[in-house]
Amino acid sequence: QVHLEESGGGLVQVGGSLRLSCAASGFTFSVYDLGWFRQAPGKEREFVAHINWNGDIINYTDSVKGRFTVTRDNAKKTVHLQMNSLKPEDTAVYYCCKARVYGHTRRRYWAGDEYDYWGQGTQVTVSS
């Protein structure tokens, strides 16, 4: 069955870096777009980053552009989120997710309902 497992979260000071990883199994990884979302306490889940199935189309929410980088390794079935210059407002649980439909880049990549499987999340806490 489909399984996504995030790792790499933790406590970091303002300005620091973390690299999140998401290991996938149970589906043909290389043909699906992937997304990263986050949810802070008391807030709704929000889109963070998207990478299309072959890695040549990448999108970010405005607040992380220039600081976060999403990459994927189709051979290892993993997706990464490199987070630099972290800010307190980046504190959240971060989730990776798999697109619902394969084979073409999602136009509504920012919408949670474009994704059908989610990991359990990894906590990122940025202290000031």
Foldseek 3Di string as FASTA:
>chain_A
DKAKAKDWADEAAAQAKIKMKIAIDDDQQLFWKKFKWWDDPPGDIWGAKIAGNNRPDIDGDPVQPPFWDWDDDSVRRMIMIIGGRDDQVVWTWMKMFIAPDTHDDDPVRGDPVRTDDIHPTDTHGYHD
